[in-house]
Each structure stands twice: as C-alpha cells, then as structure tokens.
C-alpha atoms as a PDB file:
ATOM      1  CA  MET A   1     -56.514  19.809 -26.960  1.00  0.00           C
ATOM      2  CA  ILE A   2     -58.633  22.229 -28.594  1.00  0.00           C
ATOM      3  CA  ARG A   3     -61.766  24.004 -26.448  1.00  0.00           C
ATOM      4  CA  ILE A   4     -64.396  24.757 -28.425  1.00  0.00           C
ATOM      5  CA  CYS A   5     -67.605  26.430 -27.107  1.00  0.00           C
ATOM      6  CA  PHE A   6     -70.237  26.826 -29.336  1.00  0.00           C
ATOM      7  CA  VAL A   7     -72.998  29.309 -28.593  1.00  0.00           C
ATOM      8  CA  CYS A   8     -76.681  30.173 -28.601  1.00  0.00           C
ATOM      9  CA  LEU A   9     -78.965  33.032 -26.618  1.00  0.00           C
ATOM     10  CA  GLY A  10     -80.493  29.939 -24.206  1.00  0.00           C
ATOM     11  CA  ASN A  11     -78.540  27.002 -24.790  1.00  0.00           C
ATOM     12  CA  ILE A  12     -81.821  24.830 -25.441  1.00  0.00           C
ATOM     13  CA  CYS A  13     -81.548  24.588 -29.228  1.00  0.00           C
ATOM     14  CA  ARG A  14     -79.342  26.056 -31.684  1.00  0.00           C
ATOM     15  CA  SER A  15     -75.752  25.622 -29.519  1.00  0.00           C
ATOM     16  CA  PRO A  16     -76.549  21.939 -27.951  1.00  0.00           C
ATOM     17  CA  MET A  17     -77.844  21.033 -31.719  1.00  0.00           C
ATOM     18  CA  ALA A  18     -74.195  22.052 -32.760  1.00  0.00           C
ATOM     19  CA  GLU A  19     -72.694  20.589 -29.815  1.00  0.00           C
ATOM     20  CA  PHE A  20     -73.956  17.408 -30.383  1.00  0.00           C
ATOM     21  CA  ILE A  21     -73.557  17.568 -34.724  1.00  0.00           C
ATOM     22  CA  PHE A  22     -70.006  18.075 -33.831  1.00  0.00           C
ATOM     23  CA  LYS A  23     -68.905  15.330 -31.223  1.00  0.00           C
ATOM     24  CA  ASN A  24     -70.700  13.026 -33.686  1.00  0.00           C
ATOM     25  CA  LEU A  25     -68.535  14.150 -36.517  1.00  0.00           C
ATOM     26  CA  ILE A  26     -65.140  13.920 -34.433  1.00  0.00           C
ATOM     27  CA  GLU A  27     -65.644  11.081 -33.259  1.00  0.00           C
ATOM     28  CA  GLN A  28     -66.247   9.680 -36.489  1.00  0.00           C
ATOM     29  CA  GLU A  29     -62.931  11.116 -37.685  1.00  0.00           C
ATOM     30  CA  GLY A  30     -61.563   9.985 -34.570  1.00  0.00           C
ATOM     31  CA  LEU A  31     -60.514  13.490 -32.850  1.00  0.00           C
ATOM     32  CA  GLU A  32     -62.442  13.032 -29.631  1.00  0.00           C
ATOM     33  CA  ASN A  33     -58.839  12.967 -27.927  1.00  0.00           C
ATOM     34  CA  LYS A  34     -58.084  16.391 -29.682  1.00  0.00           C
ATOM     35  CA  ILE A  35     -60.931  17.936 -29.265  1.00  0.00           C
ATOM     36  CA  PHE A  36     -63.516  19.480 -25.966  1.00  0.00           C
ATOM     37  CA  ILE A  37     -67.114  20.723 -26.868  1.00  0.00           C
ATOM     38  CA  GLU A  38     -69.491  22.495 -24.680  1.00  0.00           C
ATOM     39  CA  SER A  39     -72.189  24.864 -25.316  1.00  0.00           C
ATOM     40  CA  LYS A  40     -73.141  27.505 -23.673  1.00  0.00           C
ATOM     41  CA  GLY A  41     -75.755  30.563 -24.151  1.00  0.00           C
ATOM     42  CA  THR A  42     -75.399  34.268 -23.619  1.00  0.00           C
ATOM     43  CA  SER A  43     -78.280  34.243 -21.366  1.00  0.00           C
ATOM     44  CA  ASP A  44     -79.445  32.403 -18.618  1.00  0.00           C
ATOM     45  CA  GLU A  45     -82.798  32.863 -18.518  1.00  0.00           C
ATOM     46  CA  GLU A  46     -82.921  29.558 -19.704  1.00  0.00           C
ATOM     47  CA  PHE A  47     -80.693  28.314 -17.520  1.00  0.00           C
ATOM     48  CA  GLY A  48     -81.445  24.906 -15.498  1.00  0.00           C
ATOM     49  CA  ASN A  49     -83.638  23.816 -18.584  1.00  0.00           C
ATOM     50  CA  PRO A  50     -83.300  21.087 -20.161  1.00  0.00           C
ATOM     51  CA  ILE A  51     -82.719  20.704 -24.057  1.00  0.00           C
ATOM     52  CA  HIS A  52     -86.077  21.934 -26.193  1.00  0.00           C
ATOM     53  CA  HIS A  53     -87.915  19.069 -27.542  1.00  0.00           C
ATOM     54  CA  GLY A  54     -87.607  20.581 -31.398  1.00  0.00           C
ATOM     55  CA  THR A  55     -83.447  19.952 -31.511  1.00  0.00           C
ATOM     56  CA  ILE A  56     -84.107  16.290 -29.333  1.00  0.00           C
ATOM     57  CA  LYS A  57     -86.459  15.436 -32.301  1.00  0.00           C
ATOM     58  CA  GLU A  58     -84.170  16.228 -35.006  1.00  0.00           C
ATOM     59  CA  LEU A  59     -81.171  14.771 -32.859  1.00  0.00           C
ATOM     60  CA  LYS A  60     -82.798  11.507 -33.000  1.00  0.00           C
ATOM     61  CA  LYS A  61     -83.851  11.816 -36.654  1.00  0.00           C
ATOM     62  CA  HIS A  62     -80.356  11.833 -37.514  1.00  0.00           C
ATOM     63  CA  HIS A  63     -79.549   9.496 -35.460  1.00  0.00           C
ATOM     64  CA  ILE A  64     -77.443  12.088 -33.536  1.00  0.00           C
ATOM     65  CA  PRO A  65     -76.177  10.727 -29.954  1.00  0.00           C
ATOM     66  CA  TYR A  66     -77.029  12.742 -27.275  1.00  0.00           C
ATOM     67  CA  GLN A  67     -76.922  13.861 -23.584  1.00  0.00           C
ATOM     68  CA  ASN A  68     -79.530  14.998 -21.663  1.00  0.00           C
ATOM     69  CA  ARG A  69     -78.712  17.999 -19.943  1.00  0.00           C
ATOM     70  CA  THR A  70     -79.724  21.514 -18.524  1.00  0.00           C
ATOM     71  CA  ALA A  71     -78.821  25.036 -20.020  1.00  0.00           C
ATOM     72  CA  LYS A  72     -75.721  26.871 -19.258  1.00  0.00           C
ATOM     73  CA  TYR A  73     -74.851  30.355 -19.965  1.00  0.00           C
ATOM     74  CA  LEU A  74     -71.053  31.741 -20.402  1.00  0.00           C
ATOM     75  CA  LYS A  75     -69.232  33.860 -17.732  1.00  0.00           C
ATOM     76  CA  LYS A  76     -66.321  36.731 -18.504  1.00  0.00           C
ATOM     77  CA  GLU A  77     -63.727  34.172 -17.258  1.00  0.00           C
ATOM     78  CA  ASP A  78     -64.896  31.386 -19.724  1.00  0.00           C
ATOM     79  CA  TYR A  79     -62.881  33.405 -22.490  1.00  0.00           C
ATOM     80  CA  HIS A  80     -59.605  32.268 -21.242  1.00  0.00           C
ATOM     81  CA  LYS A  81     -60.846  28.563 -21.073  1.00  0.00           C
ATOM     82  CA  PHE A  82     -62.166  28.086 -24.647  1.00  0.00           C
ATOM     83  CA  ASP A  83     -59.768  28.237 -28.224  1.00  0.00           C
ATOM     84  CA  TYR A  84     -63.074  29.086 -30.236  1.00  0.00           C
ATOM     85  CA  PHE A  85     -66.446  30.736 -29.681  1.00  0.00           C
ATOM     86  CA  ILE A  86     -68.842  29.718 -32.737  1.00  0.00           C
ATOM     87  CA  GLY A  87     -71.872  31.868 -32.238  1.00  0.00           C
ATOM     88  CA  MET A  88     -75.168  30.863 -34.057  1.00  0.00           C
ATOM     89  CA  ASP A  89     -75.916  34.292 -35.239  1.00  0.00           C
ATOM     90  CA  SER A  90     -74.263  37.870 -35.622  1.00  0.00           C
ATOM     91  CA  PHE A  91     -76.419  38.722 -32.172  1.00  0.00           C
ATOM     92  CA  ASN A  92     -74.787  36.205 -29.801  1.00  0.00           C
ATOM     93  CA  CYS A  93     -71.474  37.067 -31.332  1.00  0.00           C
ATOM     94  CA  GLN A  94     -71.704  40.697 -30.298  1.00  0.00           C
ATOM     95  CA  SER A  95     -73.070  39.822 -27.010  1.00  0.00           C
ATOM     96  CA  MET A  96     -69.925  37.770 -26.453  1.00  0.00           C
ATOM     97  CA  LYS A  97     -67.932  40.708 -27.377  1.00  0.00           C
ATOM     98  CA  GLN A  98     -69.207  42.586 -24.875  1.00  0.00           C
ATOM     99  CA  LEU A  99     -69.472  39.747 -22.151  1.00  0.00           C
ATOM    100  CA  PHE A 100     -65.422  39.524 -22.783  1.00  0.00           C
ATOM    101  CA  SER A 101     -64.784  43.102 -23.562  1.00  0.00           C
ATOM    102  CA  ASP A 102     -64.055  42.636 -26.590  1.00  0.00           C
ATOM    103  CA  ASP A 103     -62.147  39.666 -28.365  1.00  0.00           C
ATOM    104  CA  PRO A 104     -58.829  40.643 -28.119  1.00  0.00           C
ATOM    105  CA  GLU A 105     -57.378  36.796 -28.794  1.00  0.00           C
ATOM    106  CA  LEU A 106     -59.690  36.620 -32.243  1.00  0.00           C
ATOM    107  CA  LYS A 107     -61.804  33.585 -30.737  1.00  0.00           C
ATOM    108  CA  ILE A 108     -65.632  34.454 -31.843  1.00  0.00           C
ATOM    109  CA  PHE A 109     -66.864  33.444 -35.135  1.00  0.00           C
ATOM    110  CA  ARG A 110     -69.840  32.917 -36.759  1.00  0.00           C
ATOM    111  CA  LEU A 111     -70.466  29.257 -37.369  1.00  0.00           C
ATOM    112  CA  LEU A 112     -72.018  29.611 -40.841  1.00  0.00           C
ATOM    113  CA  ASP A 113     -68.804  32.121 -42.036  1.00  0.00           C
ATOM    114  CA  PHE A 114     -66.815  28.909 -41.920  1.00  0.00           C
ATOM    115  CA  SER A 115     -69.323  27.521 -45.077  1.00  0.00           C
ATOM    116  CA  PRO A 116     -70.230  29.165 -48.510  1.00  0.00           C
ATOM    117  CA  LEU A 117     -73.611  30.364 -46.621  1.00  0.00           C
ATOM    118  CA  LYS A 118     -71.866  33.339 -44.520  1.00  0.00           C
ATOM    119  CA  LYS A 119     -75.148  33.950 -42.747  1.00  0.00           C
ATOM    120  CA  ASP A 120     -77.220  34.024 -39.178  1.00  0.00           C
ATOM    121  CA  ILE A 121     -78.689  30.585 -38.307  1.00  0.00           C
ATOM    122  CA  ALA A 122     -82.640  31.404 -37.707  1.00  0.00           C
ATOM    123  CA  ASP A 123     -83.473  30.305 -33.701  1.00  0.00           C
ATOM    124  CA  PRO A 124     -86.141  27.172 -34.093  1.00  0.00           C
ATOM    125  CA  TRP A 125     -87.307  28.746 -30.841  1.00  0.00           C
ATOM    126  CA  TYR A 126     -89.056  31.570 -32.868  1.00  0.00           C
ATOM    127  CA  THR A 127     -88.828  30.006 -36.424  1.00  0.00           C
ATOM    128  CA  ASN A 128     -90.212  26.619 -35.058  1.00  0.00           C
ATOM    129  CA  ASN A 129     -87.893  24.922 -38.299  1.00  0.00           C
ATOM    130  CA  PHE A 130     -85.388  23.007 -36.335  1.00  0.00           C
ATOM    131  CA  SER A 131     -85.109  21.073 -39.518  1.00  0.00           C
ATOM    132  CA  LEU A 132     -83.738  23.943 -41.293  1.00  0.00           C
ATOM    133  CA  THR A 133     -81.660  24.439 -38.404  1.00  0.00           C
ATOM    134  CA  TYR A 134     -79.686  21.146 -38.146  1.00  0.00           C
ATOM    135  CA  GLU A 135     -79.595  21.741 -42.098  1.00  0.00           C
ATOM    136  CA  GLU A 136     -77.897  24.655 -41.682  1.00  0.00           C
ATOM    137  CA  ILE A 137     -75.390  23.464 -38.460  1.00  0.00           C
ATOM    138  CA  GLU A 138     -74.739  20.124 -39.791  1.00  0.00           C
ATOM    139  CA  ILE A 139     -73.574  22.298 -43.086  1.00  0.00           C
ATOM    140  CA  GLY A 140     -71.925  24.673 -40.620  1.00  0.00           C
ATOM    141  CA  CYS A 141     -70.261  21.957 -38.645  1.00  0.00           C
ATOM    142  CA  LYS A 142     -68.607  20.152 -41.410  1.00  0.00           C
ATOM    143  CA  TYR A 143     -66.988  23.270 -42.793  1.00  0.00           C
ATOM    144  CA  LEU A 144     -65.623  23.655 -38.902  1.00  0.00           C
ATOM    145  CA  LEU A 145     -64.283  20.148 -38.768  1.00  0.00           C
ATOM    146  CA  GLU A 146     -62.675  20.894 -42.317  1.00  0.00           C
ATOM    147  CA  TYR A 147     -60.940  24.158 -41.095  1.00  0.00           C
ATOM    148  CA  LEU A 148     -59.668  22.867 -37.760  1.00  0.00           C
ATOM    149  CA  ILE A 149     -58.356  19.842 -39.386  1.00  0.00           C
ATOM    150  CA  LYS A 150     -56.313  22.418 -41.808  1.00  0.00           C
ATOM    151  CA  LYS A 151     -55.190  25.070 -39.666  1.00  0.00           C
ATOM    152  CA  GLU A 152     -54.652  22.703 -36.015  1.00  0.00           C
ATOM    153  CA  ASN A 153     -52.926  19.959 -38.676  1.00  0.00           C
ATOM    154  CA  PHE A 154     -54.530  17.128 -37.251  1.00  0.00           C
END
C-alpha cells in the first residue's frame, strides 16, 4: 500500500482539502485499498482545531465527502511512515526537509509540481479565496493520481 501525507502549515485548510479531494478521486478509481491518505501540518499552532469552515464549505459545494477531524502536525518519525509527502507550497516543503533532516529518500513534493501550473497554492487562511484553493488542489490531485497510476502500475 502506498502511503501519502498531504501537508500545509496548520492542517486546517489546504491539506485536509487535498486529503478529502484525493480520497474521493481514488475511491472513484477503485484504488482505496492501494493508497492510504492522511494530512498533517508543519506547525503545531492549530493542533486540535477543527477543519476551517471555508474548507468545509468548498468540500460540500463540490459534493466531496469528508469527516470532521482535528489538526495534526508532522513529527520527525513520520518520515518512515509515508512514501510521499505532498506540500501545498515551497515553504511547507522546506519545513519538512528541515524537520526530517533533509529528504534522503526523495519523498517530498509540492502538489502543483505534478501539474503544468508548477506553483505554490496560496493559503486561503490569508487570501480567503477557498474557491481558488479548491480549484488548484483539485488540479494537483488529478495530476498526482495520474502520476501514481503510471509510476506504481495500478
């Protein structure tokens, strides 16, 4: 089983949105028994807080199933628990490399680097544009799934 961790700063906006969008995509493809998905934050400042209401609103708007949950944060020992760490922006990727003392197994990626967009996903906590965040995460997740299907021979 392939294990993926979506990562943003606080784990209340972008990474849970990516988690549930990607879970929905893999379920549509019948791959839920081949791919495990979770999300976490690089900071513990939101630890224990629920998913942001803007994220929930977008998921509901697009009929994406989700579960109520609270924010979790990455720990150094997580490096050996996942095959892929998918950051929402460059800062998330740098923070992961710092936490994990680099990335010797090349597991850290930025989500939109799998797509033609090749850019950071802006944090809707600051932009308040959850619709744009949803669109970009959906694009990134579709390209990530395409990449995994080819690479992992699903």
